[in-house]
Amino acid sequence: MTALATIFGMLPIALALGTGTEFKSPMARAAIGGFLTSTVLTLVVVPVIYTIFDDIVVRVTGKETVKAEAIPVASTGSEKSI
């Protein structure tokens, strides 16, 4: 969410056509490109690569990776047992 806020905040600077914007626009465009690239890498590419490597480990070793188990909810003591 912070990356999207930064990208949308820099759009007016990147698209500005007024006097003196020839110094600010390229930097804003570079920052927007960097934020877009890092967001896609973080949210899409890294999990996909992790999943691929996990599948390779399962095929080579034959062992499943440890899955998260449900944690039992502790009783408060106010429930009546039958």
PDB file of N, CA and C in Angstrom:
ATOM      1  N   MET A   1       0.814  -1.180   0.000  1.00  0.00           N
ATOM      2  CA  MET A   1       0.000   0.000   0.000  1.00  0.00           C
ATOM      3  C   MET A   1       0.867   1.256   0.000  1.00  0.00           C
ATOM      4  N   THR A   2       1.984   1.217   0.692  1.00  0.00           N
ATOM      5  CA  THR A   2       2.843   2.393   0.691  1.00  0.00           C
ATOM      6  C   THR A   2       3.479   2.613  -0.668  1.00  0.00           C
ATOM      7  N   ALA A   3       3.807   1.524  -1.350  1.00  0.00           N
ATOM      8  CA  ALA A   3       4.378   1.662  -2.695  1.00  0.00           C
ATOM      9  C   ALA A   3       3.353   2.276  -3.642  1.00  0.00           C
ATOM     10  N   LEU A   4       2.116   1.823  -3.563  1.00  0.00           N
ATOM     11  CA  LEU A   4       1.078   2.398  -4.422  1.00  0.00           C
ATOM     12  C   LEU A   4       0.832   3.863  -4.096  1.00  0.00           C
ATOM     13  N   ALA A   5       0.856   4.218  -2.825  1.00  0.00           N
ATOM     14  CA  ALA A   5       0.674   5.620  -2.445  1.00  0.00           C
ATOM     15  C   ALA A   5       1.811   6.474  -2.989  1.00  0.00           C
ATOM     16  N   THR A   6       3.024   5.951  -2.934  1.00  0.00           N
ATOM     17  CA  THR A   6       4.168   6.694  -3.463  1.00  0.00           C
ATOM     18  C   THR A   6       4.075   6.831  -4.975  1.00  0.00           C
ATOM     19  N   ILE A   7       3.687   5.757  -5.648  1.00  0.00           N
ATOM     20  CA  ILE A   7       3.557   5.800  -7.111  1.00  0.00           C
ATOM     21  C   ILE A   7       2.509   6.824  -7.521  1.00  0.00           C
ATOM     22  N   PHE A   8       1.340   6.759  -6.894  1.00  0.00           N
ATOM     23  CA  PHE A   8       0.280   7.706  -7.252  1.00  0.00           C
ATOM     24  C   PHE A   8       0.636   9.133  -6.845  1.00  0.00           C
ATOM     25  N   GLY A   9       1.418   9.281  -5.780  1.00  0.00           N
ATOM     26  CA  GLY A   9       1.857  10.606  -5.374  1.00  0.00           C
ATOM     27  C   GLY A   9       2.869  11.212  -6.327  1.00  0.00           C
ATOM     28  N   MET A  10       3.650  10.373  -6.991  1.00  0.00           N
ATOM     29  CA  MET A  10       4.666  10.865  -7.929  1.00  0.00           C
ATOM     30  C   MET A  10       4.142  11.037  -9.351  1.00  0.00           C
ATOM     31  N   LEU A  11       2.966  10.531  -9.635  1.00  0.00           N
ATOM     32  CA  LEU A  11       2.414  10.668 -10.988  1.00  0.00           C
ATOM     33  C   LEU A  11       2.290  12.119 -11.447  1.00  0.00           C
ATOM     34  N   PRO A  12       1.804  13.044 -10.630  1.00  0.00           N
ATOM     35  CA  PRO A  12       1.743  14.429 -11.105  1.00  0.00           C
ATOM     36  C   PRO A  12       3.115  15.015 -11.439  1.00  0.00           C
ATOM     37  N   ILE A  13       4.136  14.624 -10.668  1.00  0.00           N
ATOM     38  CA  ILE A  13       5.489  15.109 -10.952  1.00  0.00           C
ATOM     39  C   ILE A  13       6.002  14.492 -12.250  1.00  0.00           C
ATOM     40  N   ALA A  14       5.741  13.196 -12.444  1.00  0.00           N
ATOM     41  CA  ALA A  14       6.239  12.508 -13.638  1.00  0.00           C
ATOM     42  C   ALA A  14       5.545  12.990 -14.906  1.00  0.00           C
ATOM     43  N   LEU A  15       4.291  13.395 -14.795  1.00  0.00           N
ATOM     44  CA  LEU A  15       3.526  13.805 -15.967  1.00  0.00           C
ATOM     45  C   LEU A  15       3.483  15.322 -16.156  1.00  0.00           C
ATOM     46  N   ALA A  16       4.164  16.075 -15.301  1.00  0.00           N
ATOM     47  CA  ALA A  16       4.131  17.536 -15.363  1.00  0.00           C
ATOM     48  C   ALA A  16       4.760  18.034 -16.663  1.00  0.00           C
ATOM     49  N   LEU A  17       4.162  19.078 -17.205  1.00  0.00           N
ATOM     50  CA  LEU A  17       4.645  19.641 -18.463  1.00  0.00           C
ATOM     51  C   LEU A  17       4.990  21.123 -18.334  1.00  0.00           C
ATOM     52  N   GLY A  18       5.098  21.613 -17.097  1.00  0.00           N
ATOM     53  CA  GLY A  18       5.348  23.033 -16.884  1.00  0.00           C
ATOM     54  C   GLY A  18       6.828  23.383 -16.978  1.00  0.00           C
ATOM     55  N   THR A  19       7.115  24.619 -16.631  1.00  0.00           N
ATOM     56  CA  THR A  19       8.484  25.120 -16.669  1.00  0.00           C
ATOM     57  C   THR A  19       9.294  24.513 -15.530  1.00  0.00           C
ATOM     58  N   GLY A  20      10.486  24.054 -15.832  1.00  0.00           N
ATOM     59  CA  GLY A  20      11.383  23.498 -14.824  1.00  0.00           C
ATOM     60  C   GLY A  20      11.150  22.039 -14.491  1.00  0.00           C
ATOM     61  N   THR A  21      10.205  21.419 -15.138  1.00  0.00           N
ATOM     62  CA  THR A  21       9.923  20.017 -14.825  1.00  0.00           C
ATOM     63  C   THR A  21      10.888  19.052 -15.507  1.00  0.00           C
ATOM     64  N   GLU A  22      11.729  19.573 -16.385  1.00  0.00           N
ATOM     65  CA  GLU A  22      12.674  18.674 -17.057  1.00  0.00           C
ATOM     66  C   GLU A  22      13.704  18.102 -16.087  1.00  0.00           C
ATOM     67  N   PHE A  23      13.819  18.687 -14.902  1.00  0.00           N
ATOM     68  CA  PHE A  23      14.737  18.154 -13.894  1.00  0.00           C
ATOM     69  C   PHE A  23      14.061  17.156 -12.967  1.00  0.00           C
ATOM     70  N   LYS A  24      12.781  17.373 -12.692  1.00  0.00           N
ATOM     71  CA  LYS A  24      12.071  16.516 -11.735  1.00  0.00           C
ATOM     72  C   LYS A  24      11.430  15.292 -12.384  1.00  0.00           C
ATOM     73  N   SER A  25      10.940  15.428 -13.586  1.00  0.00           N
ATOM     74  CA  SER A  25      10.196  14.338 -14.230  1.00  0.00           C
ATOM     75  C   SER A  25      11.000  13.060 -14.401  1.00  0.00           C
ATOM     76  N   PRO A  26      12.243  13.121 -14.884  1.00  0.00           N
ATOM     77  CA  PRO A  26      12.986  11.853 -15.049  1.00  0.00           C
ATOM     78  C   PRO A  26      13.203  11.109 -13.731  1.00  0.00           C
ATOM     79  N   MET A  27      13.460  11.841 -12.662  1.00  0.00           N
ATOM     80  CA  MET A  27      13.668  11.193 -11.366  1.00  0.00           C
ATOM     81  C   MET A  27      12.375  10.554 -10.871  1.00  0.00           C
ATOM     82  N   ALA A  28      11.254  11.224 -11.069  1.00  0.00           N
ATOM     83  CA  ALA A  28       9.967  10.657 -10.656  1.00  0.00           C
ATOM     84  C   ALA A  28       9.645   9.417 -11.476  1.00  0.00           C
ATOM     85  N   ARG A  29       9.934   9.453 -12.758  1.00  0.00           N
ATOM     86  CA  ARG A  29       9.684   8.268 -13.603  1.00  0.00           C
ATOM     87  C   ARG A  29      10.556   7.095 -13.179  1.00  0.00           C
ATOM     88  N   ALA A  30      11.812   7.381 -12.848  1.00  0.00           N
ATOM     89  CA  ALA A  30      12.711   6.314 -12.390  1.00  0.00           C
ATOM     90  C   ALA A  30      12.230   5.727 -11.062  1.00  0.00           C
ATOM     91  N   ALA A  31      11.775   6.587 -10.159  1.00  0.00           N
ATOM     92  CA  ALA A  31      11.282   6.108  -8.863  1.00  0.00           C
ATOM     93  C   ALA A  31      10.023   5.268  -9.047  1.00  0.00           C
ATOM     94  N   ILE A  32       9.129   5.705  -9.916  1.00  0.00           N
ATOM     95  CA  ILE A  32       7.901   4.942 -10.180  1.00  0.00           C
ATOM     96  C   ILE A  32       8.249   3.579 -10.759  1.00  0.00           C
ATOM     97  N   GLY A  33       9.162   3.542 -11.704  1.00  0.00           N
ATOM     98  CA  GLY A  33       9.589   2.260 -12.278  1.00  0.00           C
ATOM     99  C   GLY A  33      10.216   1.348 -11.250  1.00  0.00           C
ATOM    100  N   GLY A  34      11.012   1.914 -10.357  1.00  0.00           N
ATOM    101  CA  GLY A  34      11.634   1.116  -9.300  1.00  0.00           C
ATOM    102  C   GLY A  34      10.625   0.549  -8.330  1.00  0.00           C
ATOM    103  N   PHE A  35       9.666   1.390  -7.945  1.00  0.00           N
ATOM    104  CA  PHE A  35       8.632   0.911  -7.027  1.00  0.00           C
ATOM    105  C   PHE A  35       7.769  -0.167  -7.684  1.00  0.00           C
ATOM    106  N   LEU A  36       7.402   0.015  -8.945  1.00  0.00           N
ATOM    107  CA  LEU A  36       6.608  -1.007  -9.640  1.00  0.00           C
ATOM    108  C   LEU A  36       7.372  -2.318  -9.750  1.00  0.00           C
ATOM    109  N   THR A  37       8.648  -2.224 -10.124  1.00  0.00           N
ATOM    110  CA  THR A  37       9.471  -3.423 -10.270  1.00  0.00           C
ATOM    111  C   THR A  37       9.631  -4.151  -8.940  1.00  0.00           C
ATOM    112  N   SER A  38       9.945  -3.415  -7.885  1.00  0.00           N
ATOM    113  CA  SER A  38      10.148  -4.072  -6.595  1.00  0.00           C
ATOM    114  C   SER A  38       8.859  -4.665  -6.037  1.00  0.00           C
ATOM    115  N   THR A  39       7.735  -4.010  -6.302  1.00  0.00           N
ATOM    116  CA  THR A  39       6.457  -4.541  -5.834  1.00  0.00           C
ATOM    117  C   THR A  39       6.108  -5.840  -6.548  1.00  0.00           C
ATOM    118  N   VAL A  40       6.289  -5.873  -7.856  1.00  0.00           N
ATOM    119  CA  VAL A  40       6.008  -7.099  -8.616  1.00  0.00           C
ATOM    120  C   VAL A  40       6.954  -8.215  -8.200  1.00  0.00           C
ATOM    121  N   LEU A  41       8.236  -7.897  -8.025  1.00  0.00           N
ATOM    122  CA  LEU A  41       9.188  -8.920  -7.596  1.00  0.00           C
ATOM    123  C   LEU A  41       8.818  -9.479  -6.226  1.00  0.00           C
ATOM    124  N   THR A  42       8.434  -8.609  -5.313  1.00  0.00           N
ATOM    125  CA  THR A  42       8.132  -9.041  -3.955  1.00  0.00           C
ATOM    126  C   THR A  42       6.848  -9.855  -3.882  1.00  0.00           C
ATOM    127  N   LEU A  43       5.823  -9.435  -4.606  1.00  0.00           N
ATOM    128  CA  LEU A  43       4.512 -10.073  -4.462  1.00  0.00           C
ATOM    129  C   LEU A  43       4.270 -11.236  -5.416  1.00  0.00           C
ATOM    130  N   VAL A  44       5.007 -11.311  -6.515  1.00  0.00           N
ATOM    131  CA  VAL A  44       4.741 -12.352  -7.509  1.00  0.00           C
ATOM    132  C   VAL A  44       5.951 -13.258  -7.723  1.00  0.00           C
ATOM    133  N   VAL A  45       7.076 -12.690  -8.098  1.00  0.00           N
ATOM    134  CA  VAL A  45       8.221 -13.490  -8.538  1.00  0.00           C
ATOM    135  C   VAL A  45       8.823 -14.301  -7.389  1.00  0.00           C
ATOM    136  N   VAL A  46       9.064 -13.679  -6.245  1.00  0.00           N
ATOM    137  CA  VAL A  46       9.689 -14.397  -5.122  1.00  0.00           C
ATOM    138  C   VAL A  46       8.821 -15.567  -4.641  1.00  0.00           C
ATOM    139  N   PRO A  47       7.508 -15.408  -4.433  1.00  0.00           N
ATOM    140  CA  PRO A  47       6.713 -16.578  -4.028  1.00  0.00           C
ATOM    141  C   PRO A  47       6.682 -17.686  -5.081  1.00  0.00           C
ATOM    142  N   VAL A  48       6.667 -17.320  -6.350  1.00  0.00           N
ATOM    143  CA  VAL A  48       6.663 -18.340  -7.407  1.00  0.00           C
ATOM    144  C   VAL A  48       7.975 -19.121  -7.394  1.00  0.00           C
ATOM    145  N   ILE A  49       9.095 -18.424  -7.271  1.00  0.00           N
ATOM    146  CA  ILE A  49      10.395 -19.104  -7.224  1.00  0.00           C
ATOM    147  C   ILE A  49      10.483 -19.989  -5.984  1.00  0.00           C
ATOM    148  N   TYR A  50       9.986 -19.511  -4.844  1.00  0.00           N
ATOM    149  CA  TYR A  50       9.985 -20.317  -3.627  1.00  0.00           C
ATOM    150  C   TYR A  50       9.175 -21.593  -3.829  1.00  0.00           C
ATOM    151  N   THR A  51       8.012 -21.486  -4.455  1.00  0.00           N
ATOM    152  CA  THR A  51       7.170 -22.652  -4.699  1.00  0.00           C
ATOM    153  C   THR A  51       7.862 -23.646  -5.627  1.00  0.00           C
ATOM    154  N   ILE A  52       8.525 -23.144  -6.655  1.00  0.00           N
ATOM    155  CA  ILE A  52       9.241 -24.028  -7.584  1.00  0.00           C
ATOM    156  C   ILE A  52      10.358 -24.775  -6.856  1.00  0.00           C
ATOM    157  N   PHE A  53      11.157 -24.046  -6.050  1.00  0.00           N
ATOM    158  CA  PHE A  53      12.232 -24.707  -5.310  1.00  0.00           C
ATOM    159  C   PHE A  53      11.684 -25.696  -4.287  1.00  0.00           C
ATOM    160  N   ASP A  54      10.570 -25.386  -3.660  1.00  0.00           N
ATOM    161  CA  ASP A  54       9.958 -26.302  -2.709  1.00  0.00           C
ATOM    162  C   ASP A  54       9.512 -27.583  -3.411  1.00  0.00           C
ATOM    163  N   ASP A  55       8.927 -27.454  -4.600  1.00  0.00           N
ATOM    164  CA  ASP A  55       8.523 -28.638  -5.365  1.00  0.00           C
ATOM    165  C   ASP A  55       9.734 -29.480  -5.761  1.00  0.00           C
ATOM    166  N   ILE A  56      10.840 -28.828  -6.108  1.00  0.00           N
ATOM    167  CA  ILE A  56      12.062 -29.563  -6.469  1.00  0.00           C
ATOM    168  C   ILE A  56      12.593 -30.327  -5.260  1.00  0.00           C
ATOM    169  N   VAL A  57      12.583 -29.695  -4.092  1.00  0.00           N
ATOM    170  CA  VAL A  57      13.057 -30.360  -2.873  1.00  0.00           C
ATOM    171  C   VAL A  57      12.184 -31.564  -2.552  1.00  0.00           C
ATOM    172  N   VAL A  58      10.881 -31.441  -2.716  1.00  0.00           N
ATOM    173  CA  VAL A  58       9.971 -32.558  -2.447  1.00  0.00           C
ATOM    174  C   VAL A  58      10.250 -33.708  -3.410  1.00  0.00           C
ATOM    175  N   ARG A  59      10.477 -33.400  -4.677  1.00  0.00           N
ATOM    176  CA  ARG A  59      10.753 -34.474  -5.654  1.00  0.00           C
ATOM    177  C   ARG A  59      12.086 -35.149  -5.389  1.00  0.00           C
ATOM    178  N   VAL A  60      13.112 -34.384  -5.029  1.00  0.00           N
ATOM    179  CA  VAL A  60      14.441 -34.957  -4.827  1.00  0.00           C
ATOM    180  C   VAL A  60      14.512 -35.749  -3.531  1.00  0.00           C
ATOM    181  N   THR A  61      13.995 -35.198  -2.440  1.00  0.00           N
ATOM    182  CA  THR A  61      14.108 -35.875  -1.146  1.00  0.00           C
ATOM    183  C   THR A  61      12.949 -36.814  -0.869  1.00  0.00           C
ATOM    184  N   GLY A  62      11.814 -36.569  -1.476  1.00  0.00           N
ATOM    185  CA  GLY A  62      10.647 -37.398  -1.229  1.00  0.00           C
ATOM    186  C   GLY A  62       9.926 -37.039   0.057  1.00  0.00           C
ATOM    187  N   LYS A  63      10.376 -35.983   0.734  1.00  0.00           N
ATOM    188  CA  LYS A  63       9.757 -35.564   1.985  1.00  0.00           C
ATOM    189  C   LYS A  63       8.940 -34.307   1.766  1.00  0.00           C
ATOM    190  N   GLU A  64       7.750 -34.324   2.322  1.00  0.00           N
ATOM    191  CA  GLU A  64       6.904 -33.134   2.263  1.00  0.00           C
ATOM    192  C   GLU A  64       7.454 -32.091   3.227  1.00  0.00           C
ATOM    193  N   THR A  65       7.264 -30.838   2.910  1.00  0.00           N
ATOM    194  CA  THR A  65       7.665 -29.794   3.835  1.00  0.00           C
ATOM    195  C   THR A  65       6.653 -29.709   4.966  1.00  0.00           C
ATOM    196  N   VAL A  66       7.055 -29.156   6.065  1.00  0.00           N
ATOM    197  CA  VAL A  66       6.192 -29.058   7.239  1.00  0.00           C
ATOM    198  C   VAL A  66       5.112 -28.027   6.965  1.00  0.00           C
ATOM    199  N   LYS A  67       3.879 -28.451   7.145  1.00  0.00           N
ATOM    200  CA  LYS A  67       2.742 -27.563   6.951  1.00  0.00           C
ATOM    201  C   LYS A  67       2.327 -26.976   8.297  1.00  0.00           C
ATOM    202  N   ALA A  68       1.820 -25.788   8.280  1.00  0.00           N
ATOM    203  CA  ALA A  68       1.339 -25.166   9.515  1.00  0.00           C
ATOM    204  C   ALA A  68       0.077 -25.874   9.974  1.00  0.00           C
ATOM    205  N   GLU A  69       0.017 -26.172  11.252  1.00  0.00           N
ATOM    206  CA  GLU A  69      -1.150 -26.844  11.807  1.00  0.00           C
ATOM    207  C   GLU A  69      -2.010 -25.831  12.544  1.00  0.00           C
ATOM    208  N   ALA A  70      -3.269 -26.177  12.672  1.00  0.00           N
ATOM    209  CA  ALA A  70      -4.191 -25.303  13.398  1.00  0.00           C
ATOM    210  C   ALA A  70      -3.847 -25.349  14.879  1.00  0.00           C
ATOM    211  N   ILE A  71      -3.838 -24.188  15.491  1.00  0.00           N
ATOM    212  CA  ILE A  71      -3.548 -24.103  16.920  1.00  0.00           C
ATOM    213  C   ILE A  71      -4.872 -24.215  17.672  1.00  0.00           C
ATOM    214  N   PRO A  72      -4.968 -25.150  18.623  1.00  0.00           N
ATOM    215  CA  PRO A  72      -6.229 -25.293  19.350  1.00  0.00           C
ATOM    216  C   PRO A  72      -6.501 -24.047  20.194  1.00  0.00           C
ATOM    217  N   VAL A  73      -7.760 -23.682  20.268  1.00  0.00           N
ATOM    218  CA  VAL A  73      -8.156 -22.512  21.044  1.00  0.00           C
ATOM    219  C   VAL A  73      -8.311 -22.933  22.493  1.00  0.00           C
ATOM    220  N   ALA A  74      -7.700 -22.180  23.377  1.00  0.00           N
ATOM    221  CA  ALA A  74      -7.785 -22.493  24.800  1.00  0.00           C
ATOM    222  C   ALA A  74      -9.182 -22.164  25.310  1.00  0.00           C
ATOM    223  N   SER A  75      -9.689 -23.010  26.184  1.00  0.00           N
ATOM    224  CA  SER A  75     -11.024 -22.757  26.732  1.00  0.00           C
ATOM    225  C   SER A  75     -10.924 -21.714  27.829  1.00  0.00           C
ATOM    226  N   THR A  76     -11.986 -20.970  27.997  1.00  0.00           N
ATOM    227  CA  THR A  76     -12.021 -19.919  29.022  1.00  0.00           C
ATOM    228  C   THR A  76     -12.530 -20.444  30.342  1.00  0.00           C
ATOM    229  N   GLY A  77     -13.051 -21.639  30.354  1.00  0.00           N
ATOM    230  CA  GLY A  77     -13.566 -22.233  31.581  1.00  0.00           C
ATOM    231  C   GLY A  77     -15.042 -21.909  31.830  1.00  0.00           C
ATOM    232  N   SER A  78     -15.606 -21.041  31.024  1.00  0.00           N
ATOM    233  CA  SER A  78     -16.999 -20.661  31.213  1.00  0.00           C
ATOM    234  C   SER A  78     -17.951 -21.591  30.472  1.00  0.00           C
ATOM    235  N   GLU A  79     -17.411 -22.473  29.618  1.00  0.00           N
ATOM    236  CA  GLU A  79     -18.266 -23.392  28.878  1.00  0.00           C
ATOM    237  C   GLU A  79     -18.661 -24.545  29.786  1.00  0.00           C
ATOM    238  N   LYS A  80     -19.898 -24.975  29.651  1.00  0.00           N
ATOM    239  CA  LYS A  80     -20.367 -26.107  30.452  1.00  0.00           C
ATOM    240  C   LYS A  80     -20.162 -27.386  29.630  1.00  0.00           C
ATOM    241  N   SER A  81     -19.572 -28.371  30.242  1.00  0.00           N
ATOM    242  CA  SER A  81     -19.422 -29.642  29.552  1.00  0.00           C
ATOM    243  C   SER A  81     -20.583 -30.538  29.917  1.00  0.00           C
ATOM    244  N   ILE A  82     -20.992 -31.339  28.967  1.00  0.00           N
ATOM    245  CA  ILE A  82     -22.153 -32.212  29.170  1.00  0.00           C
ATOM    246  C   ILE A  82     -21.698 -33.568  29.604  1.00  0.00           C
TER     247      ILE A  82
END
